[in-house]
Amino acid sequence: MFKNINWKAIFKGFAWVISLGGLFVLMSFVSVKNRSIKCVDVRILIPGADNFIEREEVDAILKQTQGELIGKDLEQINLHDIEDQMKANPYIAQAKVYADMDGVINIEVKQRQPLLRIINANNQDFYVDIEGLKMPVSPNFTANVIVANGAIYEGYNGKVDTLKTQLATELYRTAHYIKMDTLWDAQIEQIFVNADHDIELVPRVGNQRIILGNADSLEVKMNNLLTFYKKAMPKVGWDTYKSINVKYTNQIVCEKNKLDSLGVLIKSKSKEDQSKFTKAFVDSMAKDTIAQEPQAEEIN
């Protein structure tokens, strides 16, 4: 009769029952203990070099939502509510709140990481973070990020929000590319949007405008620019050109600071011919001065 009994399954069932019972007793013990534990301290951890939010601001949020925490029973403190209130702050990306058995409430916050600062055409001023979300500037702290200004019409309502316009998205992509490249992060100090809605880069070395156009084919354009920096600039000097146009991926068009040597020829031609001549000269100059890297695309 006992041969057909699955003793293994029975023992396994008993083990589960005992485990569940032990867990229930443990949870009951923890629950009872929590009712007797009072908050003795609040520890706040805010890692990172940026200081958009300080300990005092976190304390103010806690007092506003929970009142005085120290001395209060842990079971009376809504930790989830504290997390939600932390995440509602525009400078906080993530928050983790938990209490230990010693009565200490631990609050860990991760600040948003700004990537770009935009000053739009209406003089509104805001950041775009590494995730592409708008966030407000702080009266207490200024992030060391690249600034974009000019004909930018991306609005801002003072809250964390997504980018709405194509141009703002392209500015974010451009700033992200620059930030991820140590060379360009050191060389480019500002982004400007001109009246033609072309993105221009303002370098730290040299007085020329770098006309990027848009954020399409960024890697190709910037590689072309790097080739030009390596091959042409040492020969002609950093102050020779007032603009370097890399918006077309198959060529670089440059405009010299002084075109006195062309004056007589240009004046003898019609306006239409002058335009054609100037462009032909500039294109020819770019061809003559740029020696191609073996792996680089051809620059006409």
Protein backbone atom coordinates (compact mmCIF):
# COMPACT_ATOMS: atom_id res chain seq x y z
CA MET A 1 0.00 0.00 0.00
CA PHE A 2 2.84 2.37 0.84
CA LYS A 3 4.75 1.45 -2.33
CA ASN A 4 2.59 3.70 -4.51
CA ILE A 5 3.00 6.75 -2.28
CA ASN A 6 5.28 9.43 -3.75
CA TRP A 7 7.26 10.18 -0.61
CA LYS A 8 9.52 12.58 -2.46
CA ALA A 9 6.60 14.79 -3.45
CA ILE A 10 5.20 14.64 0.09
CA PHE A 11 8.51 15.69 1.64
CA LYS A 12 8.81 18.49 -0.91
CA GLY A 13 5.31 19.67 -0.05
CA PHE A 14 6.11 19.66 3.68
CA ALA A 15 9.28 21.62 2.99
CA TRP A 16 7.30 24.30 1.11
CA VAL A 17 4.74 24.52 3.91
CA ILE A 18 7.46 24.89 6.53
CA SER A 19 9.29 27.51 4.42
CA LEU A 20 6.12 29.54 3.84
CA GLY A 21 5.28 29.31 7.52
CA GLY A 22 8.74 30.51 8.47
CA LEU A 23 8.50 33.37 6.00
CA PHE A 24 5.12 34.37 7.42
CA VAL A 25 6.51 34.34 10.96
CA LEU A 26 9.54 36.36 9.83
CA MET A 27 7.40 38.96 8.06
CA SER A 28 5.17 39.21 11.10
CA PHE A 29 8.23 39.73 13.26
CA VAL A 30 9.55 42.43 10.90
CA SER A 31 6.16 44.11 10.84
CA VAL A 32 5.96 44.16 14.63
CA LYS A 33 9.55 45.37 14.86
CA ASN A 34 8.88 48.15 12.34
CA ARG A 35 6.00 49.37 14.46
CA SER A 36 8.43 49.76 17.33
CA ILE A 37 11.31 51.32 15.35
CA LYS A 38 11.54 55.05 15.11
CA CYS A 39 13.47 57.05 12.54
CA VAL A 40 16.77 58.09 14.11
CA ASP A 41 18.51 59.62 11.08
CA VAL A 42 18.12 60.53 7.41
CA ARG A 43 21.11 59.93 5.15
CA ILE A 44 21.13 61.66 1.76
CA LEU A 45 23.52 60.68 -1.02
CA ILE A 46 23.84 62.94 -4.09
CA PRO A 47 26.72 61.64 -6.26
CA GLY A 48 28.26 63.52 -9.15
CA ALA A 49 30.15 66.76 -9.73
CA ASP A 50 27.05 68.82 -10.61
CA ASN A 51 25.31 70.59 -7.76
CA PHE A 52 21.86 71.32 -9.13
CA ILE A 53 20.28 70.09 -5.93
CA GLU A 54 21.67 70.40 -2.41
CA ARG A 55 20.99 68.56 0.86
CA GLU A 56 18.94 71.55 2.06
CA GLU A 57 16.56 71.23 -0.89
CA VAL A 58 16.04 67.52 -0.23
CA ASP A 59 15.35 68.31 3.44
CA ALA A 60 12.78 70.90 2.37
CA ILE A 61 11.00 68.35 0.16
CA LEU A 62 10.91 65.87 3.04
CA LYS A 63 9.47 68.37 5.51
CA GLN A 64 6.89 69.54 3.02
CA THR A 65 5.62 66.04 2.23
CA GLN A 66 6.28 64.07 5.42
CA GLY A 67 6.89 66.58 8.17
CA GLU A 68 9.64 65.94 10.70
CA LEU A 69 10.92 62.39 10.12
CA ILE A 70 13.29 61.88 13.03
CA GLY A 71 11.40 60.42 15.96
CA LYS A 72 8.50 59.18 13.82
CA ASP A 73 7.63 55.46 13.60
CA LEU A 74 8.92 53.93 10.37
CA GLU A 75 5.52 52.47 9.55
CA GLN A 76 4.10 55.99 9.48
CA ILE A 77 6.59 57.15 6.85
CA ASN A 78 5.56 56.67 3.22
CA LEU A 79 8.82 55.82 1.45
CA HIS A 80 7.16 55.48 -1.97
CA ASP A 81 5.69 58.94 -1.64
CA ILE A 82 9.13 60.32 -0.80
CA GLU A 83 10.54 58.70 -3.96
CA ASP A 84 7.76 60.20 -6.09
CA GLN A 85 8.35 63.64 -4.62
CA MET A 86 12.07 63.36 -5.34
CA LYS A 87 11.47 62.34 -8.95
CA ALA A 88 9.14 65.31 -9.40
CA ASN A 89 12.12 67.64 -8.97
CA PRO A 90 13.33 68.70 -12.46
CA TYR A 91 16.99 68.22 -11.51
CA ILE A 92 16.58 64.61 -10.30
CA ALA A 93 16.59 61.75 -12.81
CA GLN A 94 16.22 58.85 -10.37
CA ALA A 95 15.60 58.39 -6.64
CA LYS A 96 15.87 55.42 -4.29
CA VAL A 97 14.49 55.60 -0.76
CA TYR A 98 14.69 52.79 1.82
CA ALA A 99 14.89 52.28 5.58
CA ASP A 100 17.15 49.87 7.45
CA MET A 101 16.47 47.98 10.68
CA ASP A 102 18.42 50.55 12.69
CA GLY A 103 15.88 53.27 11.96
CA VAL A 104 17.93 55.08 9.32
CA ILE A 105 16.20 56.31 6.16
CA ASN A 106 18.54 56.32 3.17
CA ILE A 107 17.84 58.57 0.18
CA GLU A 108 19.94 58.21 -2.97
CA VAL A 109 19.30 60.62 -5.83
CA LYS A 110 20.80 60.75 -9.32
CA GLN A 111 20.92 64.21 -10.85
CA ARG A 112 20.11 64.91 -14.47
CA GLN A 113 23.23 65.34 -16.59
CA PRO A 114 23.02 68.44 -18.82
CA LEU A 115 24.56 68.20 -22.28
CA LEU A 116 23.58 71.45 -23.98
CA ARG A 117 22.39 74.89 -22.94
CA ILE A 118 19.99 76.62 -25.34
CA ILE A 119 19.23 80.34 -25.43
CA ASN A 120 16.39 80.61 -27.93
CA ALA A 121 15.32 83.54 -30.11
CA ASN A 122 12.92 84.70 -27.37
CA ASN A 123 15.78 84.73 -24.85
CA GLN A 124 14.45 81.69 -23.00
CA ASP A 125 17.28 79.79 -21.35
CA PHE A 126 17.23 76.05 -20.62
CA TYR A 127 19.33 72.89 -20.66
CA VAL A 128 18.96 69.71 -22.68
CA ASP A 129 20.16 66.67 -20.73
CA ILE A 130 22.04 63.62 -21.95
CA GLU A 131 18.72 61.84 -22.59
CA GLY A 132 17.44 64.65 -24.83
CA LEU A 133 15.02 66.12 -22.27
CA LYS A 134 14.66 69.83 -21.53
CA MET A 135 15.36 70.94 -17.97
CA PRO A 136 15.54 74.38 -16.30
CA VAL A 137 18.67 76.36 -15.54
CA SER A 138 19.55 76.71 -11.87
CA PRO A 139 20.04 79.96 -9.95
CA ASN A 140 22.62 78.17 -7.80
CA PHE A 141 24.74 76.26 -10.30
CA THR A 142 25.92 76.67 -13.92
CA ALA A 143 26.87 73.52 -15.81
CA ASN A 144 29.98 73.59 -17.99
CA VAL A 145 28.31 72.59 -21.27
CA ILE A 146 28.28 73.90 -24.83
CA VAL A 147 25.85 76.78 -25.49
CA ALA A 148 23.61 77.13 -28.57
CA ASN A 149 21.94 80.39 -29.55
CA GLY A 150 20.68 82.29 -32.59
CA ALA A 151 17.56 81.57 -34.68
CA ILE A 152 16.25 78.83 -32.36
CA TYR A 153 12.49 78.72 -31.80
CA GLU A 154 12.23 75.74 -29.46
CA GLY A 155 10.02 76.92 -26.59
CA TYR A 156 10.21 75.96 -22.94
CA ASN A 157 7.53 75.84 -20.24
CA GLY A 158 9.84 75.45 -17.24
CA LYS A 159 9.28 71.70 -16.82
CA VAL A 160 11.09 68.55 -17.89
CA ASP A 161 9.91 67.99 -21.45
CA THR A 162 10.85 66.43 -24.78
CA LEU A 163 12.24 68.40 -27.72
CA LYS A 164 9.53 69.57 -30.11
CA THR A 165 11.32 70.94 -33.18
CA GLN A 166 13.58 69.27 -35.72
CA LEU A 167 16.23 71.95 -35.26
CA ALA A 168 16.40 71.41 -31.49
CA THR A 169 16.80 67.67 -32.08
CA GLU A 170 19.66 68.36 -34.50
CA LEU A 171 21.30 70.67 -31.97
CA TYR A 172 21.07 67.88 -29.39
CA ARG A 173 22.59 65.37 -31.82
CA THR A 174 25.39 67.79 -32.68
CA ALA A 175 26.16 68.54 -29.03
CA HIS A 176 26.11 64.82 -28.20
CA TYR A 177 28.55 64.06 -31.03
CA ILE A 178 30.89 66.84 -29.89
CA LYS A 179 30.72 65.71 -26.26
CA MET A 180 31.56 62.11 -27.12
CA ASP A 181 34.68 63.14 -29.09
CA THR A 182 37.52 64.46 -26.93
CA LEU A 183 39.07 66.46 -29.79
CA TRP A 184 35.89 68.31 -30.78
CA ASP A 185 34.84 68.70 -27.15
CA ALA A 186 38.06 70.62 -26.58
CA GLN A 187 37.91 72.60 -29.87
CA ILE A 188 34.21 73.62 -30.22
CA GLU A 189 33.01 76.14 -27.64
CA GLN A 190 29.66 77.30 -29.04
CA ILE A 191 26.89 76.45 -31.50
CA PHE A 192 25.09 79.17 -33.45
CA VAL A 193 22.05 78.96 -35.74
CA ASN A 194 22.20 81.60 -38.47
CA ALA A 195 19.37 83.34 -40.34
CA ASP A 196 19.37 80.56 -42.96
CA HIS A 197 18.77 78.03 -40.14
CA ASP A 198 22.19 76.49 -40.72
CA ILE A 199 24.05 75.20 -37.68
CA GLU A 200 27.42 76.89 -37.23
CA LEU A 201 30.21 75.79 -34.89
CA VAL A 202 32.39 78.36 -33.12
CA PRO A 203 35.92 77.01 -32.48
CA ARG A 204 38.26 77.89 -29.63
CA VAL A 205 41.24 78.03 -32.01
CA GLY A 206 40.77 80.21 -35.10
CA ASN A 207 38.28 82.97 -35.89
CA GLN A 208 36.41 81.25 -38.69
CA ARG A 209 32.79 80.13 -38.71
CA ILE A 210 32.34 76.41 -39.36
CA ILE A 211 29.09 75.98 -41.27
CA LEU A 212 27.72 72.53 -40.49
CA GLY A 213 24.27 72.93 -42.06
CA ASN A 214 22.34 70.22 -40.23
CA ALA A 215 23.11 67.13 -38.16
CA ASP A 216 22.96 64.69 -41.08
CA SER A 217 26.17 62.75 -41.85
CA LEU A 218 27.87 64.27 -38.81
CA GLU A 219 30.74 61.82 -38.78
CA VAL A 220 31.54 62.40 -42.47
CA LYS A 221 31.39 66.19 -42.11
CA MET A 222 33.55 66.27 -39.02
CA ASN A 223 36.07 63.87 -40.56
CA ASN A 224 36.27 66.17 -43.59
CA LEU A 225 36.84 69.10 -41.25
CA LEU A 226 39.56 67.20 -39.39
CA THR A 227 41.32 66.41 -42.67
CA PHE A 228 41.15 70.10 -43.58
CA TYR A 229 42.57 71.05 -40.19
CA LYS A 230 45.45 68.63 -40.61
CA LYS A 231 46.37 69.38 -44.22
CA ALA A 232 45.31 72.93 -45.07
CA MET A 233 45.52 74.98 -41.89
CA PRO A 234 49.25 74.41 -41.22
CA LYS A 235 49.98 75.73 -44.74
CA VAL A 236 47.70 78.77 -44.88
CA GLY A 237 47.35 79.73 -41.20
CA TRP A 238 44.44 79.65 -38.79
CA ASP A 239 43.25 83.17 -39.57
CA THR A 240 43.18 82.86 -43.37
CA TYR A 241 39.50 81.96 -43.68
CA LYS A 242 36.45 83.59 -42.18
CA SER A 243 34.24 80.58 -42.92
CA ILE A 244 34.67 76.86 -43.55
CA ASN A 245 31.57 75.26 -45.03
CA VAL A 246 31.31 71.48 -44.51
CA LYS A 247 27.55 71.17 -45.03
CA TYR A 248 28.13 69.26 -48.28
CA THR A 249 29.69 65.88 -47.58
CA ASN A 250 31.66 65.73 -50.87
CA GLN A 251 33.46 69.08 -50.62
CA ILE A 252 34.65 71.86 -48.35
CA VAL A 253 33.97 75.46 -49.39
CA CYS A 254 36.04 78.18 -47.76
CA GLU A 255 35.79 81.96 -47.81
CA LYS A 256 38.98 83.92 -47.24
CA ASN A 257 39.19 86.88 -44.93
CA LYS A 258 40.71 88.99 -47.72
CA LEU A 259 40.02 88.55 -51.44
CA ASP A 260 41.97 91.60 -52.59
CA SER A 261 43.82 89.57 -55.19
CA LEU A 262 40.51 88.78 -56.87
CA GLY A 263 39.19 92.33 -56.84
CA VAL A 264 40.09 93.36 -60.39
CA LEU A 265 38.87 90.12 -61.93
CA ILE A 266 35.59 90.16 -60.04
CA LYS A 267 34.83 93.77 -60.85
CA SER A 268 35.25 93.15 -64.56
CA LYS A 269 32.52 90.57 -64.61
CA SER A 270 28.75 90.67 -64.23
CA LYS A 271 27.22 89.85 -60.87
CA GLU A 272 26.28 86.40 -62.11
CA ASP A 273 29.77 85.77 -63.45
CA GLN A 274 31.31 87.15 -60.27
CA SER A 275 29.36 84.62 -58.20
CA LYS A 276 30.38 81.75 -60.48
CA PHE A 277 34.01 82.88 -60.52
CA THR A 278 34.22 83.26 -56.76
CA LYS A 279 32.72 79.82 -56.18
CA ALA A 280 35.03 78.25 -58.78
CA PHE A 281 38.04 79.88 -57.13
CA VAL A 282 37.03 78.79 -53.64
CA ASP A 283 36.35 75.22 -54.77
CA SER A 284 39.67 75.14 -56.60
CA MET A 285 41.48 76.47 -53.53
CA ALA A 286 39.94 73.75 -51.38
CA LYS A 287 41.00 71.07 -53.87
CA ASP A 288 44.57 72.34 -53.98
CA THR A 289 45.04 72.65 -50.22
CA ILE A 290 43.41 69.46 -48.96
CA ALA A 291 45.53 66.34 -49.31
CA GLN A 292 43.32 63.35 -48.75
CA GLU A 293 43.84 60.77 -46.03
CA PRO A 294 43.95 57.28 -47.68
CA GLN A 295 40.84 56.18 -45.81
CA ALA A 296 38.94 59.46 -46.11
CA GLU A 297 36.14 60.25 -48.58
CA GLU A 298 37.04 62.33 -51.59
CA ILE A 299 36.64 66.04 -51.02
CA ASN A 300 35.98 67.82 -54.32
